[in-house]
């Protein structure tokens, strides 16, 4: 099982990449693993919107059958 994690804007900068494939079984495990692998991401991940196949999740969710997770930091503008 592999999930494509896409990082946008400041999240991509903190992760050092705009996308990577991950194999964690749940959203909680994924959050912990990406912070362990990309420590700078830990500073902003709590403020980011996390979309699982296009649906926002603020809590845990299984990732079986999921194709992508998007990490979107807050955006400024009007």
N, C-alpha and C. Protein backbone atom coordinates (compact mmCIF):
# COMPACT_ATOMS: atom_id res chain seq x y z
N UNK A 1 0.85 -1.18 0.00
CA UNK A 1 0.00 0.00 0.00
C UNK A 1 0.89 1.24 0.00
N UNK A 2 0.61 2.17 -0.86
CA UNK A 2 1.38 3.40 -0.92
C UNK A 2 0.42 4.57 -1.13
N UNK A 3 0.69 5.64 -0.42
CA UNK A 3 -0.12 6.85 -0.52
C UNK A 3 0.80 7.97 -1.00
N UNK A 4 0.36 8.73 -1.96
CA UNK A 4 1.13 9.88 -2.44
C UNK A 4 0.79 11.07 -1.55
N UNK A 5 1.80 11.61 -0.88
CA UNK A 5 1.63 12.78 -0.03
C UNK A 5 2.15 13.98 -0.81
N UNK A 6 1.28 14.97 -0.97
CA UNK A 6 1.66 16.18 -1.71
C UNK A 6 1.70 17.35 -0.74
N UNK A 7 2.82 18.06 -0.76
CA UNK A 7 3.02 19.22 0.12
C UNK A 7 2.93 20.49 -0.72
N UNK A 8 2.32 21.52 -0.17
CA UNK A 8 2.14 22.77 -0.89
C UNK A 8 2.77 23.92 -0.11
N UNK A 9 3.28 24.91 -0.85
CA UNK A 9 3.80 26.17 -0.29
C UNK A 9 4.79 25.92 0.84
N UNK A 10 4.54 26.49 2.02
CA UNK A 10 5.48 26.39 3.14
C UNK A 10 5.67 24.94 3.59
N UNK A 11 4.67 24.09 3.42
CA UNK A 11 4.81 22.68 3.79
C UNK A 11 5.83 22.00 2.88
N UNK A 12 5.82 22.33 1.59
CA UNK A 12 6.81 21.77 0.66
C UNK A 12 8.21 22.25 1.02
N UNK A 13 8.31 23.51 1.37
CA UNK A 13 9.61 24.05 1.77
C UNK A 13 10.12 23.35 3.02
N UNK A 14 9.26 23.15 4.00
CA UNK A 14 9.66 22.49 5.25
C UNK A 14 10.03 21.02 5.02
N UNK A 15 9.30 20.35 4.14
CA UNK A 15 9.56 18.94 3.85
C UNK A 15 10.75 18.75 2.92
N UNK A 16 11.10 19.79 2.18
CA UNK A 16 12.19 19.68 1.23
C UNK A 16 11.80 18.96 -0.06
N UNK A 17 10.51 18.80 -0.25
CA UNK A 17 9.99 18.14 -1.45
C UNK A 17 8.54 18.55 -1.63
N UNK A 18 8.02 18.40 -2.83
CA UNK A 18 6.61 18.71 -3.02
C UNK A 18 5.74 17.46 -3.04
N UNK A 19 6.37 16.27 -3.02
CA UNK A 19 5.59 15.03 -2.98
C UNK A 19 6.49 13.86 -2.63
N UNK A 20 5.88 12.86 -2.02
CA UNK A 20 6.59 11.61 -1.73
C UNK A 20 5.57 10.51 -1.52
N UNK A 21 5.99 9.28 -1.71
CA UNK A 21 5.13 8.12 -1.46
C UNK A 21 5.42 7.59 -0.07
N UNK A 22 4.36 7.29 0.67
CA UNK A 22 4.47 6.83 2.06
C UNK A 22 3.64 5.56 2.22
N UNK A 23 3.92 4.79 3.29
CA UNK A 23 3.22 3.52 3.50
C UNK A 23 2.59 3.39 4.88
N UNK A 24 2.39 4.50 5.58
CA UNK A 24 1.78 4.43 6.92
C UNK A 24 0.31 4.03 6.79
N UNK A 25 -0.20 3.27 7.80
CA UNK A 25 -1.57 2.75 7.70
C UNK A 25 -2.67 3.73 8.09
N UNK A 26 -2.31 4.82 8.78
CA UNK A 26 -3.33 5.76 9.24
C UNK A 26 -2.80 7.19 9.15
N UNK A 27 -3.72 8.13 9.23
CA UNK A 27 -3.33 9.54 9.16
C UNK A 27 -2.48 9.94 10.36
N UNK A 28 -2.80 9.42 11.54
CA UNK A 28 -1.99 9.72 12.73
C UNK A 28 -0.57 9.21 12.55
N UNK A 29 -0.43 7.98 12.08
CA UNK A 29 0.90 7.41 11.84
C UNK A 29 1.65 8.20 10.77
N UNK A 30 0.93 8.65 9.75
CA UNK A 30 1.55 9.44 8.69
C UNK A 30 2.06 10.76 9.25
N UNK A 31 1.24 11.45 10.03
CA UNK A 31 1.67 12.73 10.62
C UNK A 31 2.95 12.54 11.44
N UNK A 32 2.98 11.51 12.28
CA UNK A 32 4.16 11.25 13.12
C UNK A 32 5.38 10.93 12.26
N UNK A 33 5.22 10.13 11.23
CA UNK A 33 6.33 9.72 10.39
C UNK A 33 6.90 10.88 9.57
N UNK A 34 6.04 11.72 9.01
CA UNK A 34 6.58 12.82 8.19
C UNK A 34 7.30 13.84 9.06
N UNK A 35 6.85 14.04 10.30
CA UNK A 35 7.56 14.95 11.20
C UNK A 35 8.90 14.35 11.60
N UNK A 36 8.93 13.04 11.82
CA UNK A 36 10.20 12.38 12.15
C UNK A 36 11.19 12.49 10.99
N UNK A 37 10.70 12.35 9.76
CA UNK A 37 11.56 12.43 8.58
C UNK A 37 11.87 13.85 8.15
N UNK A 38 10.99 14.79 8.46
CA UNK A 38 11.14 16.20 8.07
C UNK A 38 10.86 17.08 9.30
N UNK A 39 11.80 17.19 10.24
CA UNK A 39 11.54 17.90 11.50
C UNK A 39 10.99 19.32 11.33
N UNK A 40 11.42 20.04 10.30
CA UNK A 40 10.92 21.41 10.10
C UNK A 40 9.42 21.42 9.84
N UNK A 41 8.88 20.33 9.34
CA UNK A 41 7.45 20.24 9.07
C UNK A 41 6.65 20.24 10.37
N UNK A 42 7.26 19.79 11.45
CA UNK A 42 6.58 19.76 12.74
C UNK A 42 6.17 21.13 13.22
N UNK A 43 6.88 22.17 12.78
CA UNK A 43 6.56 23.54 13.19
C UNK A 43 5.26 24.05 12.59
N UNK A 44 4.86 23.52 11.45
CA UNK A 44 3.67 24.05 10.77
C UNK A 44 2.55 23.04 10.57
N UNK A 45 2.83 21.76 10.74
CA UNK A 45 1.83 20.74 10.41
C UNK A 45 0.52 20.93 11.17
N UNK A 46 0.59 21.36 12.42
CA UNK A 46 -0.63 21.57 13.21
C UNK A 46 -1.54 22.65 12.68
N UNK A 47 -0.99 23.55 11.88
CA UNK A 47 -1.79 24.64 11.29
C UNK A 47 -2.24 24.32 9.87
N UNK A 48 -1.77 23.19 9.33
CA UNK A 48 -2.08 22.84 7.95
C UNK A 48 -3.42 22.12 7.85
N UNK A 49 -4.10 22.33 6.74
CA UNK A 49 -5.25 21.51 6.39
C UNK A 49 -4.71 20.23 5.77
N UNK A 50 -5.27 19.11 6.15
CA UNK A 50 -4.87 17.82 5.59
C UNK A 50 -6.07 17.22 4.89
N UNK A 51 -5.94 17.00 3.60
CA UNK A 51 -7.02 16.45 2.78
C UNK A 51 -6.67 15.01 2.40
N UNK A 52 -7.59 14.10 2.65
CA UNK A 52 -7.42 12.70 2.29
C UNK A 52 -8.35 12.44 1.11
N UNK A 53 -7.76 12.24 -0.06
CA UNK A 53 -8.52 12.10 -1.30
C UNK A 53 -9.56 13.23 -1.44
N UNK A 54 -9.13 14.45 -1.09
CA UNK A 54 -9.96 15.62 -1.28
C UNK A 54 -10.86 16.01 -0.13
N UNK A 55 -10.91 15.20 0.93
CA UNK A 55 -11.77 15.49 2.08
C UNK A 55 -10.91 15.85 3.28
N UNK A 56 -11.22 16.97 3.91
CA UNK A 56 -10.42 17.42 5.05
C UNK A 56 -10.62 16.49 6.25
N UNK A 57 -9.50 16.21 6.93
CA UNK A 57 -9.51 15.38 8.14
C UNK A 57 -8.69 16.07 9.21
N UNK A 58 -9.31 16.33 10.36
CA UNK A 58 -8.60 16.91 11.49
C UNK A 58 -8.26 15.84 12.52
N UNK A 59 -8.77 14.63 12.33
CA UNK A 59 -8.53 13.54 13.26
C UNK A 59 -7.88 12.38 12.52
N UNK A 60 -7.88 11.21 13.11
CA UNK A 60 -7.27 10.04 12.48
C UNK A 60 -8.20 9.49 11.41
N UNK A 61 -7.60 8.84 10.44
CA UNK A 61 -8.35 8.17 9.38
C UNK A 61 -7.48 7.06 8.82
N UNK A 62 -8.07 5.91 8.50
CA UNK A 62 -7.28 4.85 7.87
C UNK A 62 -6.89 5.28 6.46
N UNK A 63 -5.74 4.83 6.01
CA UNK A 63 -5.27 5.22 4.67
C UNK A 63 -5.36 4.08 3.66
N UNK A 64 -5.94 2.95 4.04
CA UNK A 64 -6.12 1.84 3.10
C UNK A 64 -7.02 2.30 1.95
N UNK A 65 -6.58 2.10 0.75
CA UNK A 65 -7.35 2.48 -0.42
C UNK A 65 -7.27 3.95 -0.80
N UNK A 66 -6.55 4.74 -0.03
CA UNK A 66 -6.40 6.18 -0.31
C UNK A 66 -5.32 6.37 -1.36
N UNK A 67 -5.54 7.29 -2.31
CA UNK A 67 -4.54 7.53 -3.34
C UNK A 67 -3.63 8.70 -3.01
N UNK A 68 -4.17 9.76 -2.36
CA UNK A 68 -3.31 10.89 -2.04
C UNK A 68 -3.77 11.65 -0.79
N UNK A 69 -2.77 12.24 -0.15
CA UNK A 69 -2.99 13.11 1.01
C UNK A 69 -2.33 14.43 0.67
N UNK A 70 -3.07 15.53 0.80
CA UNK A 70 -2.54 16.86 0.53
C UNK A 70 -2.34 17.61 1.84
N UNK A 71 -1.18 18.24 1.98
CA UNK A 71 -0.85 19.04 3.16
C UNK A 71 -0.80 20.49 2.72
N UNK A 72 -1.78 21.28 3.16
CA UNK A 72 -1.95 22.65 2.72
C UNK A 72 -1.79 23.62 3.90
N UNK A 73 -0.73 24.40 3.91
CA UNK A 73 -0.58 25.39 5.00
C UNK A 73 -1.59 26.52 4.81
N UNK A 74 -1.80 27.32 5.86
CA UNK A 74 -2.70 28.46 5.69
C UNK A 74 -2.15 29.42 4.63
N UNK A 75 -3.03 29.96 3.85
CA UNK A 75 -2.64 30.89 2.80
C UNK A 75 -3.11 32.28 3.18
N UNK A 76 -2.31 33.26 2.87
CA UNK A 76 -2.69 34.67 3.10
C UNK A 76 -3.29 35.22 1.82
N UNK A 77 -4.03 36.24 1.94
CA UNK A 77 -4.58 36.87 0.75
C UNK A 77 -6.06 37.11 0.90
N UNK A 78 -6.64 37.64 -0.15
CA UNK A 78 -8.04 37.98 -0.03
C UNK A 78 -8.87 37.55 -1.14
